[in-house]
PDB file of N, CA and C in Angstrom:
ATOM      1  N   UNK A   1       0.903  -1.215  -0.187  1.00  0.00           N
ATOM      2  CA  UNK A   1       0.002  -0.049  -0.002  1.00  0.00           C
ATOM      3  C   UNK A   1       0.904   1.246  -0.087  1.00  0.00           C
ATOM      4  N   UNK A   2       0.610   2.237  -0.856  1.00  0.00           N
ATOM      5  CA  UNK A   2       1.222   3.598  -1.029  1.00  0.00           C
ATOM      6  C   UNK A   2       0.491   4.351  -0.527  1.00  0.00           C
ATOM      7  N   UNK A   3       0.781   5.202   0.845  1.00  0.00           N
ATOM      8  CA  UNK A   3       0.202   6.368   1.182  1.00  0.00           C
ATOM      9  C   UNK A   3       0.770   7.697   0.691  1.00  0.00           C
ATOM     10  N   UNK A   4      -0.261   8.504   0.184  1.00  0.00           N
ATOM     11  CA  UNK A   4       0.068   9.723  -0.528  1.00  0.00           C
ATOM     12  C   UNK A   4      -0.944  10.924   0.200  1.00  0.00           C
ATOM     13  N   UNK A   5      -0.404  11.978  -0.224  1.00  0.00           N
ATOM     14  CA  UNK A   5      -1.189  13.106   0.636  1.00  0.00           C
ATOM     15  C   UNK A   5      -2.522  13.512  -0.332  1.00  0.00           C
ATOM     16  N   UNK A   6      -2.383  13.494  -1.223  1.00  0.00           N
ATOM     17  CA  UNK A   6      -3.895  14.092  -2.288  1.00  0.00           C
ATOM     18  C   UNK A   6      -4.442  12.657  -3.190  1.00  0.00           C
ATOM     19  N   UNK A   7      -5.506  13.268  -3.471  1.00  0.00           N
ATOM     20  CA  UNK A   7      -6.522  12.438  -4.538  1.00  0.00           C
ATOM     21  C   UNK A   7      -5.858  11.884  -5.691  1.00  0.00           C
ATOM     22  N   UNK A   8      -5.663  13.167  -6.529  1.00  0.00           N
ATOM     23  CA  UNK A   8      -4.830  13.249  -7.588  1.00  0.00           C
ATOM     24  C   UNK A   8      -3.504  12.192  -7.750  1.00  0.00           C
ATOM     25  N   UNK A   9      -2.666  12.347  -6.725  1.00  0.00           N
ATOM     26  CA  UNK A   9      -1.569  11.695  -6.401  1.00  0.00           C
ATOM     27  C   UNK A   9      -1.846  10.142  -6.182  1.00  0.00           C
ATOM     28  N   UNK A  10      -2.922   9.726  -5.420  1.00  0.00           N
ATOM     29  CA  UNK A  10      -3.626   8.379  -5.225  1.00  0.00           C
ATOM     30  C   UNK A  10      -3.906   7.803  -6.815  1.00  0.00           C
ATOM     31  N   UNK A  11      -4.634   8.791  -7.477  1.00  0.00           N
ATOM     32  CA  UNK A  11      -4.973   8.237  -8.772  1.00  0.00           C
ATOM     33  C   UNK A  11      -3.602   7.572  -9.704  1.00  0.00           C
ATOM     34  N   UNK A  12      -2.801   8.668  -9.834  1.00  0.00           N
ATOM     35  CA  UNK A  12      -1.778   8.571 -10.321  1.00  0.00           C
ATOM     36  C   UNK A  12      -0.581   7.270  -9.958  1.00  0.00           C
ATOM     37  N   UNK A  13      -0.582   7.052  -8.628  1.00  0.00           N
ATOM     38  CA  UNK A  13       0.156   6.044  -8.129  1.00  0.00           C
ATOM     39  C   UNK A  13      -0.750   4.615  -8.039  1.00  0.00           C
ATOM     40  N   UNK A  14      -1.871   4.879  -8.232  1.00  0.00           N
ATOM     41  CA  UNK A  14      -2.821   3.802  -8.159  1.00  0.00           C
ATOM     42  C   UNK A  14      -2.685   3.058  -9.536  1.00  0.00           C
ATOM     43  N   UNK A  15      -2.397   3.576 -10.483  1.00  0.00           N
ATOM     44  CA  UNK A  15      -2.292   2.939 -12.123  1.00  0.00           C
ATOM     45  C   UNK A  15      -1.139   1.662 -11.789  1.00  0.00           C
ATOM     46  N   UNK A  16      -0.212   2.161 -10.769  1.00  0.00           N
ATOM     47  CA  UNK A  16       1.160   1.138 -10.906  1.00  0.00           C
ATOM     48  C   UNK A  16       0.982   0.499  -9.441  1.00  0.00           C
ATOM     49  N   UNK A  17       0.612   0.865  -8.436  1.00  0.00           N
ATOM     50  CA  UNK A  17       0.378   0.043  -7.001  1.00  0.00           C
ATOM     51  C   UNK A  17      -0.882   0.604  -6.271  1.00  0.00           C
ATOM     52  N   UNK A  18      -1.394  -0.417  -5.672  1.00  0.00           N
ATOM     53  CA  UNK A  18      -2.403  -0.010  -4.706  1.00  0.00           C
ATOM     54  C   UNK A  18      -1.970   1.331  -3.722  1.00  0.00           C
ATOM     55  N   UNK A  19      -3.069   2.428  -3.691  1.00  0.00           N
ATOM     56  CA  UNK A  19      -2.479   3.640  -2.914  1.00  0.00           C
ATOM     57  C   UNK A  19      -3.900   4.025  -2.130  1.00  0.00           C
ATOM     58  N   UNK A  20      -3.568   4.893  -1.108  1.00  0.00           N
ATOM     59  CA  UNK A  20      -4.681   5.406  -0.640  1.00  0.00           C
ATOM     60  C   UNK A  20      -3.944   6.919  -0.285  1.00  0.00           C
ATOM     61  N   UNK A  21      -5.007   7.873  -0.412  1.00  0.00           N
ATOM     62  CA  UNK A  21      -4.808   9.660  -0.110  1.00  0.00           C
ATOM     63  C   UNK A  21      -5.037   9.780   1.326  1.00  0.00           C
ATOM     64  N   UNK A  22      -4.403  10.557   2.192  1.00  0.00           N
ATOM     65  CA  UNK A  22      -4.622  10.665   3.595  1.00  0.00           C
ATOM     66  C   UNK A  22      -5.233  12.176   3.539  1.00  0.00           C
ATOM     67  N   UNK A  23      -5.283  12.526   2.404  1.00  0.00           N
ATOM     68  CA  UNK A  23      -5.605  14.340   2.228  1.00  0.00           C
ATOM     69  C   UNK A  23      -5.210  15.211   3.285  1.00  0.00           C
ATOM     70  N   UNK A  24      -4.141  15.168   3.271  1.00  0.00           N
ATOM     71  CA  UNK A  24      -3.260  16.226   3.728  1.00  0.00           C
ATOM     72  C   UNK A  24      -1.998  15.661   4.559  1.00  0.00           C
ATOM     73  N   UNK A  25      -1.660  16.423   5.661  1.00  0.00           N
ATOM     74  CA  UNK A  25      -0.451  15.823   6.286  1.00  0.00           C
ATOM     75  C   UNK A  25      -0.603  15.224   7.721  1.00  0.00           C
ATOM     76  N   UNK A  26      -2.033  14.877   7.725  1.00  0.00           N
ATOM     77  CA  UNK A  26      -2.473  14.603   9.352  1.00  0.00           C
ATOM     78  C   UNK A  26      -3.175  13.211   9.097  1.00  0.00           C
ATOM     79  N   UNK A  27      -3.046  12.347  10.067  1.00  0.00           N
ATOM     80  CA  UNK A  27      -3.640  10.909   9.868  1.00  0.00           C
ATOM     81  C   UNK A  27      -4.487  10.932  11.187  1.00  0.00           C
ATOM     82  N   UNK A  28      -5.793  10.769  11.251  1.00  0.00           N
ATOM     83  CA  UNK A  28      -6.412  10.588  12.361  1.00  0.00           C
ATOM     84  C   UNK A  28      -6.500   8.986  12.753  1.00  0.00           C
ATOM     85  N   UNK A  29      -6.728   8.855  14.020  1.00  0.00           N
ATOM     86  CA  UNK A  29      -6.733   7.739  14.821  1.00  0.00           C
ATOM     87  C   UNK A  29      -7.318   6.418  14.125  1.00  0.00           C
ATOM     88  N   UNK A  30      -8.333   6.553  13.591  1.00  0.00           N
ATOM     89  CA  UNK A  30      -9.103   5.458  12.962  1.00  0.00           C
ATOM     90  C   UNK A  30      -8.433   5.271  11.553  1.00  0.00           C
ATOM     91  N   UNK A  31      -8.002   5.838  10.793  1.00  0.00           N
ATOM     92  CA  UNK A  31      -7.454   5.579   9.664  1.00  0.00           C
ATOM     93  C   UNK A  31      -6.069   5.073  10.090  1.00  0.00           C
ATOM     94  N   UNK A  32      -5.321   5.348  11.117  1.00  0.00           N
ATOM     95  CA  UNK A  32      -4.145   4.791  11.374  1.00  0.00           C
ATOM     96  C   UNK A  32      -4.527   3.225  12.088  1.00  0.00           C
ATOM     97  N   UNK A  33      -5.532   2.987  12.483  1.00  0.00           N
ATOM     98  CA  UNK A  33      -5.809   1.918  12.867  1.00  0.00           C
ATOM     99  C   UNK A  33      -6.250   0.761  11.607  1.00  0.00           C
ATOM    100  N   UNK A  34      -7.022   1.505  10.778  1.00  0.00           N
ATOM    101  CA  UNK A  34      -7.065   0.516   9.253  1.00  0.00           C
ATOM    102  C   UNK A  34      -5.694   0.354   8.831  1.00  0.00           C
ATOM    103  N   UNK A  35      -4.819   1.067   8.619  1.00  0.00           N
ATOM    104  CA  UNK A  35      -3.528   0.808   8.052  1.00  0.00           C
ATOM    105  C   UNK A  35      -2.526  -0.144   8.974  1.00  0.00           C
ATOM    106  N   UNK A  36      -2.951  -0.134  10.488  1.00  0.00           N
ATOM    107  CA  UNK A  36      -2.199  -1.025  11.400  1.00  0.00           C
ATOM    108  C   UNK A  36      -2.698  -2.268  11.775  1.00  0.00           C
ATOM    109  N   UNK A  37      -4.153  -2.351  11.296  1.00  0.00           N
ATOM    110  CA  UNK A  37      -4.816  -3.661  11.826  1.00  0.00           C
ATOM    111  C   UNK A  37      -4.232  -4.611  10.728  1.00  0.00           C
ATOM    112  N   UNK A  38      -3.844  -5.854  11.935  1.00  0.00           N
ATOM    113  CA  UNK A  38      -3.397  -7.194  11.053  1.00  0.00           C
ATOM    114  C   UNK A  38      -3.752  -7.699  10.137  1.00  0.00           C
ATOM    115  N   UNK A  39      -5.302  -7.825  10.006  1.00  0.00           N
ATOM    116  CA  UNK A  39      -6.262  -8.220   8.873  1.00  0.00           C
ATOM    117  C   UNK A  39      -6.045  -7.394   7.666  1.00  0.00           C
ATOM    118  N   UNK A  40      -5.722  -6.092   7.757  1.00  0.00           N
ATOM    119  CA  UNK A  40      -6.151  -4.945   6.800  1.00  0.00           C
ATOM    120  C   UNK A  40      -4.604  -4.542   6.365  1.00  0.00           C
ATOM    121  N   UNK A  41      -3.765  -4.834   7.490  1.00  0.00           N
ATOM    122  CA  UNK A  41      -2.415  -4.169   6.819  1.00  0.00           C
ATOM    123  C   UNK A  41      -1.716  -4.951   5.855  1.00  0.00           C
ATOM    124  N   UNK A  42      -1.210  -4.272   4.848  1.00  0.00           N
ATOM    125  CA  UNK A  42      -0.051  -4.862   3.811  1.00  0.00           C
ATOM    126  C   UNK A  42       1.108  -5.143   4.672  1.00  0.00           C
ATOM    127  N   UNK A  43       1.826  -6.127   4.002  1.00  0.00           N
ATOM    128  CA  UNK A  43       2.999  -6.386   4.870  1.00  0.00           C
ATOM    129  C   UNK A  43       4.001  -5.027   4.908  1.00  0.00           C
ATOM    130  N   UNK A  44       3.798  -4.627   3.933  1.00  0.00           N
ATOM    131  CA  UNK A  44       4.689  -3.141   3.672  1.00  0.00           C
ATOM    132  C   UNK A  44       3.930  -1.834   3.296  1.00  0.00           C
ATOM    133  N   UNK A  45       4.147  -0.638   4.091  1.00  0.00           N
ATOM    134  CA  UNK A  45       3.339   0.431   3.569  1.00  0.00           C
ATOM    135  C   UNK A  45       4.480   1.521   3.225  1.00  0.00           C
ATOM    136  N   UNK A  46       3.991   2.017   2.405  1.00  0.00           N
ATOM    137  CA  UNK A  46       4.866   2.912   1.412  1.00  0.00           C
ATOM    138  C   UNK A  46       4.526   4.230   1.739  1.00  0.00           C
ATOM    139  N   UNK A  47       5.361   4.974   2.298  1.00  0.00           N
ATOM    140  CA  UNK A  47       5.101   6.588   2.588  1.00  0.00           C
ATOM    141  C   UNK A  47       5.596   7.381   1.760  1.00  0.00           C
ATOM    142  N   UNK A  48       4.658   7.871   0.747  1.00  0.00           N
ATOM    143  CA  UNK A  48       5.317   8.972  -0.412  1.00  0.00           C
ATOM    144  C   UNK A  48       4.576  10.338  -0.253  1.00  0.00           C
ATOM    145  N   UNK A  49       4.922  10.837   0.619  1.00  0.00           N
ATOM    146  CA  UNK A  49       4.021  12.315   0.548  1.00  0.00           C
ATOM    147  C   UNK A  49       4.813  13.322   0.010  1.00  0.00           C
ATOM    148  N   UNK A  50       4.324  14.604  -0.122  1.00  0.00           N
ATOM    149  CA  UNK A  50       5.031  15.759  -0.837  1.00  0.00           C
ATOM    150  C   UNK A  50       6.126  15.937  -0.042  1.00  0.00           C
ATOM    151  N   UNK A  51       7.284  16.547  -0.928  1.00  0.00           N
ATOM    152  CA  UNK A  51       8.556  16.762  -0.460  1.00  0.00           C
ATOM    153  C   UNK A  51       8.660  18.262   0.534  1.00  0.00           C
ATOM    154  N   UNK A  52       7.631  18.765   0.726  1.00  0.00           N
ATOM    155  CA  UNK A  52       7.732  20.098   1.162  1.00  0.00           C
ATOM    156  C   UNK A  52       7.824  20.021   2.826  1.00  0.00           C
ATOM    157  N   UNK A  53       7.894  20.933   3.632  1.00  0.00           N
ATOM    158  CA  UNK A  53       8.261  20.720   4.929  1.00  0.00           C
ATOM    159  C   UNK A  53       7.298  20.108   5.714  1.00  0.00           C
ATOM    160  N   UNK A  54       5.782  20.470   5.549  1.00  0.00           N
ATOM    161  CA  UNK A  54       4.798  19.567   6.003  1.00  0.00           C
ATOM    162  C   UNK A  54       4.684  18.460   5.855  1.00  0.00           C
ATOM    163  N   UNK A  55       5.067  17.833   4.509  1.00  0.00           N
ATOM    164  CA  UNK A  55       5.261  16.419   4.060  1.00  0.00           C
ATOM    165  C   UNK A  55       6.542  15.938   4.688  1.00  0.00           C
ATOM    166  N   UNK A  56       7.449  16.463   4.682  1.00  0.00           N
ATOM    167  CA  UNK A  56       8.675  15.746   5.384  1.00  0.00           C
ATOM    168  C   UNK A  56       8.344  15.237   6.978  1.00  0.00           C
ATOM    169  N   UNK A  57       7.485  16.310   7.491  1.00  0.00           N
ATOM    170  CA  UNK A  57       7.455  16.269   9.106  1.00  0.00           C
ATOM    171  C   UNK A  57       6.524  15.128   9.242  1.00  0.00           C
ATOM    172  N   UNK A  58       5.525  14.870   8.037  1.00  0.00           N
ATOM    173  CA  UNK A  58       4.233  13.801   8.343  1.00  0.00           C
ATOM    174  C   UNK A  58       4.862  12.671   8.000  1.00  0.00           C
ATOM    175  N   UNK A  59       5.896  12.549   6.990  1.00  0.00           N
ATOM    176  CA  UNK A  59       6.412  11.472   6.831  1.00  0.00           C
ATOM    177  C   UNK A  59       7.202  10.537   8.107  1.00  0.00           C
ATOM    178  N   UNK A  60       7.976  11.366   8.877  1.00  0.00           N
ATOM    179  CA  UNK A  60       8.543  10.955  10.006  1.00  0.00           C
ATOM    180  C   UNK A  60       7.651  10.541  11.148  1.00  0.00           C
ATOM    181  N   UNK A  61       6.521  11.330  11.201  1.00  0.00           N
ATOM    182  CA  UNK A  61       5.346  11.055  12.369  1.00  0.00           C
ATOM    183  C   UNK A  61       4.460   9.932  11.920  1.00  0.00           C
ATOM    184  N   UNK A  62       4.009   9.568  10.667  1.00  0.00           N
ATOM    185  CA  UNK A  62       3.538   8.531  10.294  1.00  0.00           C
ATOM    186  C   UNK A  62       4.231   7.304  10.139  1.00  0.00           C
ATOM    187  N   UNK A  63       5.567   7.473   9.911  1.00  0.00           N
ATOM    188  CA  UNK A  63       6.391   6.123  10.289  1.00  0.00           C
ATOM    189  C   UNK A  63       6.631   5.575  11.400  1.00  0.00           C
ATOM    190  N   UNK A  64       6.875   6.604  12.181  1.00  0.00           N
ATOM    191  CA  UNK A  64       7.106   6.096  14.059  1.00  0.00           C
ATOM    192  C   UNK A  64       5.902   5.405  14.296  1.00  0.00           C
ATOM    193  N   UNK A  65       4.325   6.141  13.845  1.00  0.00           N
ATOM    194  CA  UNK A  65       3.139   5.408  14.511  1.00  0.00           C
ATOM    195  C   UNK A  65       3.023   4.270  13.810  1.00  0.00           C
ATOM    196  N   UNK A  66       3.165   3.914  12.636  1.00  0.00           N
ATOM    197  CA  UNK A  66       3.083   2.888  11.779  1.00  0.00           C
ATOM    198  C   UNK A  66       3.949   1.447  12.470  1.00  0.00           C
ATOM    199  N   UNK A  67       5.120   1.901  12.415  1.00  0.00           N
ATOM    200  CA  UNK A  67       6.069   1.079  12.915  1.00  0.00           C
ATOM    201  C   UNK A  67       5.772   0.682  14.374  1.00  0.00           C
ATOM    202  N   UNK A  68       5.293   1.483  15.196  1.00  0.00           N
ATOM    203  CA  UNK A  68       4.959   0.940  16.673  1.00  0.00           C
ATOM    204  C   UNK A  68       3.592   0.225  16.471  1.00  0.00           C
ATOM    205  N   UNK A  69       2.945  -0.072  15.384  1.00  0.00           N
ATOM    206  CA  UNK A  69       1.661  -0.770  15.174  1.00  0.00           C
ATOM    207  C   UNK A  69       2.068  -2.119  14.445  1.00  0.00           C
ATOM    208  N   UNK A  70       3.485  -2.407  14.057  1.00  0.00           N
ATOM    209  CA  UNK A  70       3.968  -3.423  13.661  1.00  0.00           C
ATOM    210  C   UNK A  70       3.982  -3.733  11.923  1.00  0.00           C
ATOM    211  N   UNK A  71       4.148  -2.309  11.627  1.00  0.00           N
ATOM    212  CA  UNK A  71       4.161  -2.241   9.818  1.00  0.00           C
ATOM    213  C   UNK A  71       5.476  -2.315   9.465  1.00  0.00           C
ATOM    214  N   UNK A  72       5.777  -2.781   8.392  1.00  0.00           N
ATOM    215  CA  UNK A  72       7.275  -2.383   7.698  1.00  0.00           C
ATOM    216  C   UNK A  72       6.988  -1.328   6.883  1.00  0.00           C
ATOM    217  N   UNK A  73       7.571  -0.318   7.133  1.00  0.00           N
ATOM    218  CA  UNK A  73       7.234   1.167   6.460  1.00  0.00           C
ATOM    219  C   UNK A  73       8.502   1.565   5.704  1.00  0.00           C
ATOM    220  N   UNK A  74       8.293   1.859   4.270  1.00  0.00           N
ATOM    221  CA  UNK A  74       9.323   2.333   3.509  1.00  0.00           C
ATOM    222  C   UNK A  74       8.939   3.990   3.202  1.00  0.00           C
ATOM    223  N   UNK A  75      10.027   4.983   3.380  1.00  0.00           N
ATOM    224  CA  UNK A  75       9.681   6.127   2.954  1.00  0.00           C
ATOM    225  C   UNK A  75      10.216   6.542   1.583  1.00  0.00           C
ATOM    226  N   UNK A  76       9.473   7.135   0.563  1.00  0.00           N
ATOM    227  CA  UNK A  76      10.117   7.723  -0.606  1.00  0.00           C
ATOM    228  C   UNK A  76      10.141   9.162  -0.527  1.00  0.00           C
ATOM    229  N   UNK A  77      11.358   9.611  -1.046  1.00  0.00           N
ATOM    230  CA  UNK A  77      11.389  11.172  -1.014  1.00  0.00           C
ATOM    231  C   UNK A  77      11.864  11.453  -2.462  1.00  0.00           C
ATOM    232  N   UNK A  78      11.104  12.424  -2.968  1.00  0.00           N
ATOM    233  CA  UNK A  78      11.394  12.480  -4.332  1.00  0.00           C
ATOM    234  C   UNK A  78      11.263  14.266  -4.211  1.00  0.00           C
ATOM    235  N   UNK A  79      11.612  14.925  -5.184  1.00  0.00           N
ATOM    236  CA  UNK A  79      11.690  16.535  -5.129  1.00  0.00           C
ATOM    237  C   UNK A  79      10.336  16.751  -5.869  1.00  0.00           C
ATOM    238  N   UNK A  80       9.522  16.008  -6.416  1.00  0.00           N
ATOM    239  CA  UNK A  80       8.248  16.392  -6.910  1.00  0.00           C
ATOM    240  C   UNK A  80       7.074  15.555  -6.077  1.00  0.00           C
ATOM    241  N   UNK A  81       6.123  16.248  -6.068  1.00  0.00           N
ATOM    242  CA  UNK A  81       4.974  15.267  -5.907  1.00  0.00           C
ATOM    243  C   UNK A  81       4.559  13.955  -6.486  1.00  0.00           C
ATOM    244  N   UNK A  82       4.212  13.260  -6.067  1.00  0.00           N
ATOM    245  CA  UNK A  82       3.920  11.981  -6.801  1.00  0.00           C
ATOM    246  C   UNK A  82       3.177  12.188  -7.965  1.00  0.00           C
ATOM    247  N   UNK A  83       2.054  12.733  -8.135  1.00  0.00           N
ATOM    248  CA  UNK A  83       1.100  13.136  -9.168  1.00  0.00           C
ATOM    249  C   UNK A  83       1.876  13.859 -10.486  1.00  0.00           C
ATOM    250  N   UNK A  84       3.115  14.332 -10.194  1.00  0.00           N
ATOM    251  CA  UNK A  84       3.778  14.769 -11.138  1.00  0.00           C
ATOM    252  C   UNK A  84       4.924  13.761 -12.001  1.00  0.00           C
ATOM    253  N   UNK A  85       4.856  12.872 -11.604  1.00  0.00           N
ATOM    254  CA  UNK A  85       5.667  11.749 -12.483  1.00  0.00           C
ATOM    255  C   UNK A  85       4.917  11.048 -13.462  1.00  0.00           C
ATOM    256  N   UNK A  86       5.318  10.145 -14.182  1.00  0.00           N
ATOM    257  CA  UNK A  86       4.661   9.483 -15.126  1.00  0.00           C
ATOM    258  C   UNK A  86       4.692   7.990 -14.569  1.00  0.00           C
ATOM    259  N   UNK A  87       3.572   7.458 -15.212  1.00  0.00           N
ATOM    260  CA  UNK A  87       3.456   5.856 -14.924  1.00  0.00           C
ATOM    261  C   UNK A  87       4.817   5.108 -14.432  1.00  0.00           C
ATOM    262  N   UNK A  88       5.391   5.419 -15.747  1.00  0.00           N
ATOM    263  CA  UNK A  88       6.923   4.766 -15.937  1.00  0.00           C
ATOM    264  C   UNK A  88       7.930   4.989 -14.820  1.00  0.00           C
ATOM    265  N   UNK A  89       7.765   6.379 -14.614  1.00  0.00           N
ATOM    266  CA  UNK A  89       8.637   6.657 -13.511  1.00  0.00           C
ATOM    267  C   UNK A  89       8.261   6.447 -12.049  1.00  0.00           C
ATOM    268  N   UNK A  90       6.998   6.162 -12.106  1.00  0.00           N
ATOM    269  CA  UNK A  90       6.368   6.037 -10.740  1.00  0.00           C
ATOM    270  C   UNK A  90       6.815   4.335 -10.434  1.00  0.00           C
ATOM    271  N   UNK A  91       6.394   3.779 -11.571  1.00  0.00           N
ATOM    272  CA  UNK A  91       7.067   2.433 -11.203  1.00  0.00           C
ATOM    273  C   UNK A  91       8.234   2.253 -10.968  1.00  0.00           C
ATOM    274  N   UNK A  92       9.110   2.918 -11.606  1.00  0.00           N
ATOM    275  CA  UNK A  92      10.472   2.726 -11.341  1.00  0.00           C
ATOM    276  C   UNK A  92      10.880   3.156  -9.996  1.00  0.00           C
ATOM    277  N   UNK A  93      10.291   4.031  -9.609  1.00  0.00           N
ATOM    278  CA  UNK A  93      10.757   4.574  -8.115  1.00  0.00           C
ATOM    279  C   UNK A  93      10.391   3.793  -7.160  1.00  0.00           C
ATOM    280  N   UNK A  94       9.114   3.213  -7.344  1.00  0.00           N
ATOM    281  CA  UNK A  94       8.674   2.225  -6.398  1.00  0.00           C
ATOM    282  C   UNK A  94       9.251   0.879  -6.340  1.00  0.00           C
ATOM    283  N   UNK A  95       9.513   0.400  -7.565  1.00  0.00           N
ATOM    284  CA  UNK A  95      10.258  -0.816  -7.677  1.00  0.00           C
ATOM    285  C   UNK A  95      11.726  -0.475  -7.207  1.00  0.00           C
ATOM    286  N   UNK A  96      12.359   0.633  -7.448  1.00  0.00           N
ATOM    287  CA  UNK A  96      13.913   0.650  -7.115  1.00  0.00           C
ATOM    288  C   UNK A  96      14.007   0.922  -5.531  1.00  0.00           C
ATOM    289  N   UNK A  97      12.861   1.230  -4.879  1.00  0.00           N
ATOM    290  CA  UNK A  97      12.841   1.252  -3.495  1.00  0.00           C
ATOM    291  C   UNK A  97      13.030  -0.157  -2.758  1.00  0.00           C
ATOM    292  N   UNK A  98      12.924  -1.025  -3.680  1.00  0.00           N
ATOM    293  CA  UNK A  98      12.961  -2.482  -2.744  1.00  0.00           C
ATOM    294  C   UNK A  98      14.219  -3.095  -3.967  1.00  0.00           C
ATOM    295  N   UNK A  99      14.958  -2.405  -4.415  1.00  0.00           N
ATOM    296  CA  UNK A  99      16.276  -2.945  -4.937  1.00  0.00           C
ATOM    297  C   UNK A  99      17.123  -1.909  -5.199  1.00  0.00           C
ATOM    298  N   UNK A 100      17.556  -1.358  -6.634  1.00  0.00           N
ATOM    299  CA  UNK A 100      18.620  -0.578  -6.856  1.00  0.00           C
ATOM    300  C   UNK A 100      17.760   1.116  -6.645  1.00  0.00           C
ATOM    301  N   UNK A 101      18.776   2.022  -6.395  1.00  0.00           N
ATOM    302  CA  UNK A 101      18.162   3.182  -6.516  1.00  0.00           C
ATOM    303  C   UNK A 101      18.054   3.913  -7.487  1.00  0.00           C
ATOM    304  N   UNK A 102      17.488   5.051  -8.016  1.00  0.00           N
ATOM    305  CA  UNK A 102      17.403   5.777  -9.113  1.00  0.00           C
ATOM    306  C   UNK A 102      17.981   6.939  -9.012  1.00  0.00           C
ATOM    307  N   UNK A 103      18.600   7.879  -9.961  1.00  0.00           N
ATOM    308  CA  UNK A 103      18.783   9.326  -9.829  1.00  0.00           C
ATOM    309  C   UNK A 103      17.599  10.044  -9.009  1.00  0.00           C
ATOM    310  N   UNK A 104      16.496   9.945  -9.362  1.00  0.00           N
ATOM    311  CA  UNK A 104      15.320  10.605  -8.455  1.00  0.00           C
ATOM    312  C   UNK A 104      15.080  10.449  -7.360  1.00  0.00           C
ATOM    313  N   UNK A 105      15.511   9.146  -7.109  1.00  0.00           N
ATOM    314  CA  UNK A 105      14.812   8.708  -5.446  1.00  0.00           C
ATOM    315  C   UNK A 105      16.052   9.326  -4.308  1.00  0.00           C
ATOM    316  N   UNK A 106      15.446   9.975  -3.426  1.00  0.00           N
ATOM    317  CA  UNK A 106      16.439  10.296  -2.522  1.00  0.00           C
ATOM    318  C   UNK A 106      16.419   9.209  -1.275  1.00  0.00           C
ATOM    319  N   UNK A 107      17.359   8.647  -0.670  1.00  0.00           N
ATOM    320  CA  UNK A 107      17.212   7.677   0.100  1.00  0.00           C
ATOM    321  C   UNK A 107      16.611   8.430   1.550  1.00  0.00           C
ATOM    322  N   UNK A 108      15.751   7.452   2.163  1.00  0.00           N
ATOM    323  CA  UNK A 108      15.222   8.126   3.311  1.00  0.00           C
ATOM    324  C   UNK A 108      16.258   8.127   4.412  1.00  0.00           C
TER     325      UNK A 108
END
């Protein structure tokens, strides 16, 4: 599951991988519970929030909270919002997080 900030990013990323938009940089307890429930939780949660200050702060907060719930969390940092990448670039960025890095991907 790839967690993004906005609906358009969820649509773009959703063409390549299952995604959900948190609609901002905060997540309420119920949303967190759904991501963290053992029966609903994917083996891995990928956080790909915007690269601005609010997005970077939210990534750290979400990551800590999800890891406390037992999720395997991967953070993707890119210079642009997810919606600004092509399907191919999204696929490469997400696949490369599980293997070799790309020039666009900045390690978490």
